Every structure is written in C-alpha cells, then in structure tokens.
Amino acid sequence: MTVHASHPDIIKRLKRAAGHLKSTIQMLEDEKACLDIVQQMHAVEKAITNAKRTLIHDHLDHCLENVIRADHDESEHSLSEFKEITKYL
C-alpha cells in the first residue's frame, strides 16, 4: 500500500475530530448546554467529512491516473474501485 501525500493532513483532521469527540463526551457527562454540545458534534462531523473528502479525492486522482496507464484487466479493477468509492462522496 502506498502512502499518499494527503495522508498526514488526513491524520491531523482525524486527530482533531477525536479531540472534538472527546470534548463532546465530556460535555455530555458534565451536563453542559445542549447548544454547546451540538456545536461540538458539528465540529466532529465536519472534521470527519473533510478528512473523508480529502482521502476520496486523493484516491480518485491516483485511481484515474492508474486507469490511464494500466492494461485492460487492471483498468477494469480500477474502474470498479472508482465506482465503489464514489458511493461515499
């Protein structure tokens, strides 16, 4: 498996999401205001969504590049993978 250039950024985003999630759980345990909790949950959601989008776009860039360069059998596999991953956009 190849590590893509975007992976360090994705890791940062996911760590940020983990921090927001930990804060959200603590806020619930501490019975903080619902508005504050929802704002934290929104931050978790956005961080994960952005990480996912970055990963998918990076993968698609590499996948499409491989399809162009690949032989027929590899192209079929890459095209199938491309179709599968786009479900998560």
N, C-alpha and C. Protein backbone atom coordinates (compact mmCIF):
# COMPACT_ATOMS: atom_id res chain seq x y z
N MET A 1 0.85 -1.18 0.00
CA MET A 1 0.00 0.00 0.00
C MET A 1 0.89 1.24 0.00
N THR A 2 0.52 2.20 -0.80
CA THR A 2 1.27 3.43 -0.92
C THR A 2 0.66 4.51 -0.02
N VAL A 3 1.52 5.22 0.67
CA VAL A 3 1.05 6.35 1.47
C VAL A 3 1.01 7.56 0.55
N HIS A 4 -0.12 8.20 0.51
CA HIS A 4 -0.31 9.35 -0.36
C HIS A 4 0.12 10.61 0.36
N ALA A 5 0.41 11.63 -0.40
CA ALA A 5 0.86 12.91 0.17
C ALA A 5 -0.19 13.52 1.09
N SER A 6 -1.45 13.21 0.86
CA SER A 6 -2.51 13.81 1.67
C SER A 6 -2.70 13.11 3.02
N HIS A 7 -2.11 11.94 3.22
CA HIS A 7 -2.35 11.20 4.45
C HIS A 7 -1.97 11.94 5.73
N PRO A 8 -0.84 12.65 5.78
CA PRO A 8 -0.53 13.40 7.02
C PRO A 8 -1.62 14.44 7.34
N ASP A 9 -2.16 15.11 6.33
CA ASP A 9 -3.23 16.08 6.56
C ASP A 9 -4.49 15.38 7.05
N ILE A 10 -4.78 14.23 6.49
CA ILE A 10 -5.96 13.46 6.91
C ILE A 10 -5.80 13.01 8.35
N ILE A 11 -4.63 12.58 8.71
CA ILE A 11 -4.36 12.17 10.10
C ILE A 11 -4.60 13.34 11.05
N LYS A 12 -4.13 14.53 10.68
CA LYS A 12 -4.36 15.72 11.52
C LYS A 12 -5.85 15.99 11.68
N ARG A 13 -6.59 15.89 10.59
CA ARG A 13 -8.03 16.15 10.64
C ARG A 13 -8.73 15.13 11.54
N LEU A 14 -8.33 13.87 11.44
CA LEU A 14 -8.97 12.84 12.26
C LEU A 14 -8.60 12.99 13.74
N LYS A 15 -7.37 13.40 14.01
CA LYS A 15 -6.99 13.65 15.40
C LYS A 15 -7.79 14.83 15.96
N ARG A 16 -8.01 15.83 15.12
CA ARG A 16 -8.83 16.97 15.53
C ARG A 16 -10.25 16.49 15.84
N ALA A 17 -10.78 15.64 14.98
CA ALA A 17 -12.13 15.09 15.20
C ALA A 17 -12.17 14.29 16.49
N ALA A 18 -11.12 13.52 16.77
CA ALA A 18 -11.06 12.72 18.00
C ALA A 18 -11.07 13.64 19.22
N GLY A 19 -10.36 14.74 19.14
CA GLY A 19 -10.34 15.71 20.24
C GLY A 19 -11.71 16.33 20.45
N HIS A 20 -12.37 16.70 19.34
CA HIS A 20 -13.72 17.25 19.45
C HIS A 20 -14.69 16.22 20.03
N LEU A 21 -14.55 14.98 19.62
CA LEU A 21 -15.44 13.93 20.13
C LEU A 21 -15.22 13.70 21.62
N LYS A 22 -13.96 13.69 22.03
CA LYS A 22 -13.66 13.53 23.45
C LYS A 22 -14.28 14.68 24.25
N SER A 23 -14.16 15.90 23.73
CA SER A 23 -14.76 17.07 24.39
C SER A 23 -16.27 16.95 24.45
N THR A 24 -16.86 16.45 23.38
CA THR A 24 -18.32 16.28 23.34
C THR A 24 -18.79 15.31 24.40
N ILE A 25 -18.10 14.20 24.53
CA ILE A 25 -18.46 13.20 25.54
C ILE A 25 -18.35 13.80 26.93
N GLN A 26 -17.28 14.54 27.17
CA GLN A 26 -17.10 15.18 28.48
C GLN A 26 -18.20 16.20 28.75
N MET A 27 -18.57 16.94 27.73
CA MET A 27 -19.63 17.93 27.89
C MET A 27 -20.96 17.25 28.25
N LEU A 28 -21.24 16.12 27.63
CA LEU A 28 -22.46 15.37 27.97
C LEU A 28 -22.40 14.88 29.41
N GLU A 29 -21.25 14.35 29.80
CA GLU A 29 -21.10 13.86 31.16
C GLU A 29 -21.23 14.99 32.18
N ASP A 30 -20.76 16.17 31.81
CA ASP A 30 -20.84 17.34 32.68
C ASP A 30 -22.17 18.08 32.57
N GLU A 31 -23.07 17.54 31.77
CA GLU A 31 -24.41 18.13 31.58
C GLU A 31 -24.35 19.59 31.13
N LYS A 32 -23.50 19.84 30.14
CA LYS A 32 -23.38 21.20 29.57
C LYS A 32 -24.61 21.50 28.72
N ALA A 33 -24.72 22.74 28.28
CA ALA A 33 -25.86 23.19 27.48
C ALA A 33 -25.92 22.44 26.15
N CYS A 34 -27.13 22.10 25.76
CA CYS A 34 -27.34 21.35 24.52
C CYS A 34 -26.76 22.07 23.29
N LEU A 35 -26.91 23.38 23.24
CA LEU A 35 -26.38 24.15 22.11
C LEU A 35 -24.87 23.97 22.01
N ASP A 36 -24.18 24.04 23.13
CA ASP A 36 -22.73 23.87 23.13
C ASP A 36 -22.35 22.45 22.68
N ILE A 37 -23.11 21.48 23.13
CA ILE A 37 -22.84 20.08 22.75
C ILE A 37 -23.05 19.88 21.25
N VAL A 38 -24.13 20.42 20.74
CA VAL A 38 -24.42 20.29 19.32
C VAL A 38 -23.34 20.96 18.48
N GLN A 39 -22.83 22.09 18.94
CA GLN A 39 -21.75 22.76 18.21
C GLN A 39 -20.50 21.88 18.17
N GLN A 40 -20.19 21.21 19.27
CA GLN A 40 -19.05 20.29 19.29
C GLN A 40 -19.29 19.10 18.36
N MET A 41 -20.52 18.60 18.38
CA MET A 41 -20.84 17.47 17.50
C MET A 41 -20.72 17.88 16.03
N HIS A 42 -21.11 19.10 15.74
CA HIS A 42 -20.98 19.61 14.38
C HIS A 42 -19.51 19.68 13.98
N ALA A 43 -18.66 20.10 14.89
CA ALA A 43 -17.22 20.18 14.63
C ALA A 43 -16.66 18.78 14.34
N VAL A 44 -17.11 17.77 15.09
CA VAL A 44 -16.68 16.39 14.85
C VAL A 44 -17.10 15.96 13.45
N GLU A 45 -18.34 16.20 13.14
CA GLU A 45 -18.90 15.81 11.85
C GLU A 45 -18.15 16.47 10.69
N LYS A 46 -17.90 17.77 10.80
CA LYS A 46 -17.18 18.49 9.74
C LYS A 46 -15.75 17.99 9.58
N ALA A 47 -15.07 17.73 10.69
CA ALA A 47 -13.69 17.25 10.61
C ALA A 47 -13.63 15.90 9.91
N ILE A 48 -14.55 15.02 10.23
CA ILE A 48 -14.57 13.70 9.60
C ILE A 48 -14.97 13.81 8.13
N THR A 49 -15.96 14.62 7.84
CA THR A 49 -16.39 14.82 6.45
C THR A 49 -15.24 15.36 5.60
N ASN A 50 -14.52 16.34 6.12
CA ASN A 50 -13.40 16.92 5.38
C ASN A 50 -12.28 15.91 5.18
N ALA A 51 -12.00 15.11 6.20
CA ALA A 51 -10.97 14.07 6.08
C ALA A 51 -11.38 13.05 5.02
N LYS A 52 -12.62 12.63 5.06
CA LYS A 52 -13.12 11.65 4.09
C LYS A 52 -13.05 12.21 2.68
N ARG A 53 -13.49 13.43 2.50
CA ARG A 53 -13.47 14.05 1.18
C ARG A 53 -12.04 14.14 0.64
N THR A 54 -11.12 14.56 1.48
CA THR A 54 -9.72 14.66 1.06
C THR A 54 -9.18 13.30 0.65
N LEU A 55 -9.46 12.27 1.45
CA LEU A 55 -8.99 10.92 1.13
C LEU A 55 -9.58 10.42 -0.17
N ILE A 56 -10.87 10.60 -0.36
CA ILE A 56 -11.52 10.12 -1.59
C ILE A 56 -10.99 10.85 -2.81
N HIS A 57 -10.88 12.16 -2.72
CA HIS A 57 -10.38 12.93 -3.87
C HIS A 57 -8.94 12.53 -4.21
N ASP A 58 -8.12 12.34 -3.19
CA ASP A 58 -6.74 11.91 -3.43
C ASP A 58 -6.72 10.53 -4.08
N HIS A 59 -7.55 9.64 -3.56
CA HIS A 59 -7.60 8.30 -4.14
C HIS A 59 -8.08 8.34 -5.59
N LEU A 60 -9.10 9.14 -5.84
CA LEU A 60 -9.62 9.22 -7.21
C LEU A 60 -8.56 9.76 -8.16
N ASP A 61 -7.80 10.74 -7.72
CA ASP A 61 -6.71 11.25 -8.56
C ASP A 61 -5.75 10.14 -8.94
N HIS A 62 -5.36 9.34 -7.96
CA HIS A 62 -4.43 8.25 -8.23
C HIS A 62 -5.09 7.12 -9.02
N CYS A 63 -6.33 6.83 -8.71
CA CYS A 63 -7.07 5.77 -9.38
C CYS A 63 -7.21 6.08 -10.87
N LEU A 64 -7.61 7.30 -11.17
CA LEU A 64 -7.79 7.68 -12.57
C LEU A 64 -6.46 7.67 -13.32
N GLU A 65 -5.41 8.08 -12.64
CA GLU A 65 -4.08 8.05 -13.25
C GLU A 65 -3.69 6.60 -13.57
N ASN A 66 -3.98 5.70 -12.66
CA ASN A 66 -3.67 4.28 -12.88
C ASN A 66 -4.49 3.69 -14.01
N VAL A 67 -5.74 4.09 -14.14
CA VAL A 67 -6.59 3.58 -15.21
C VAL A 67 -6.01 3.96 -16.56
N ILE A 68 -5.55 5.18 -16.67
CA ILE A 68 -4.99 5.66 -17.93
C ILE A 68 -3.75 4.86 -18.31
N ARG A 69 -2.94 4.50 -17.32
CA ARG A 69 -1.67 3.80 -17.58
C ARG A 69 -1.78 2.28 -17.59
N ALA A 70 -2.86 1.74 -17.09
CA ALA A 70 -2.96 0.30 -16.86
C ALA A 70 -3.37 -0.47 -18.11
N ASP A 71 -3.11 -1.79 -18.05
CA ASP A 71 -3.62 -2.66 -19.11
C ASP A 71 -5.11 -2.91 -18.85
N HIS A 72 -5.76 -3.63 -19.73
CA HIS A 72 -7.21 -3.80 -19.68
C HIS A 72 -7.70 -4.40 -18.36
N ASP A 73 -7.08 -5.47 -17.89
CA ASP A 73 -7.53 -6.12 -16.65
C ASP A 73 -7.40 -5.18 -15.45
N GLU A 74 -6.27 -4.48 -15.37
CA GLU A 74 -6.08 -3.53 -14.27
C GLU A 74 -7.06 -2.37 -14.39
N SER A 75 -7.35 -1.95 -15.61
CA SER A 75 -8.30 -0.87 -15.82
C SER A 75 -9.68 -1.25 -15.33
N GLU A 76 -10.09 -2.47 -15.59
CA GLU A 76 -11.40 -2.95 -15.14
C GLU A 76 -11.47 -2.92 -13.61
N HIS A 77 -10.40 -3.38 -12.95
CA HIS A 77 -10.36 -3.36 -11.49
C HIS A 77 -10.40 -1.93 -10.96
N SER A 78 -9.60 -1.05 -11.54
CA SER A 78 -9.56 0.35 -11.10
C SER A 78 -10.90 1.04 -11.32
N LEU A 79 -11.54 0.76 -12.44
CA LEU A 79 -12.83 1.36 -12.73
C LEU A 79 -13.88 0.88 -11.73
N SER A 80 -13.84 -0.39 -11.40
CA SER A 80 -14.75 -0.96 -10.42
C SER A 80 -14.53 -0.30 -9.06
N GLU A 81 -13.27 -0.13 -8.67
CA GLU A 81 -12.95 0.52 -7.40
C GLU A 81 -13.40 1.97 -7.41
N PHE A 82 -13.21 2.63 -8.53
CA PHE A 82 -13.65 4.03 -8.68
C PHE A 82 -15.15 4.13 -8.43
N LYS A 83 -15.93 3.26 -9.05
CA LYS A 83 -17.38 3.26 -8.87
C LYS A 83 -17.76 2.99 -7.42
N GLU A 84 -17.05 2.09 -6.77
CA GLU A 84 -17.35 1.74 -5.39
C GLU A 84 -17.09 2.92 -4.44
N ILE A 85 -15.96 3.58 -4.60
CA ILE A 85 -15.60 4.65 -3.67
C ILE A 85 -16.47 5.89 -3.83
N THR A 86 -16.98 6.11 -5.03
CA THR A 86 -17.81 7.30 -5.23
C THR A 86 -19.12 7.24 -4.45
N LYS A 87 -19.50 6.06 -3.98
CA LYS A 87 -20.70 5.94 -3.15
C LYS A 87 -20.56 6.71 -1.84
N TYR A 88 -19.33 6.95 -1.43
CA TYR A 88 -19.07 7.59 -0.15
C TYR A 88 -18.94 9.10 -0.24
N LEU A 89 -19.07 9.65 -1.43
CA LEU A 89 -18.99 11.11 -1.58
C LEU A 89 -20.23 11.78 -1.05
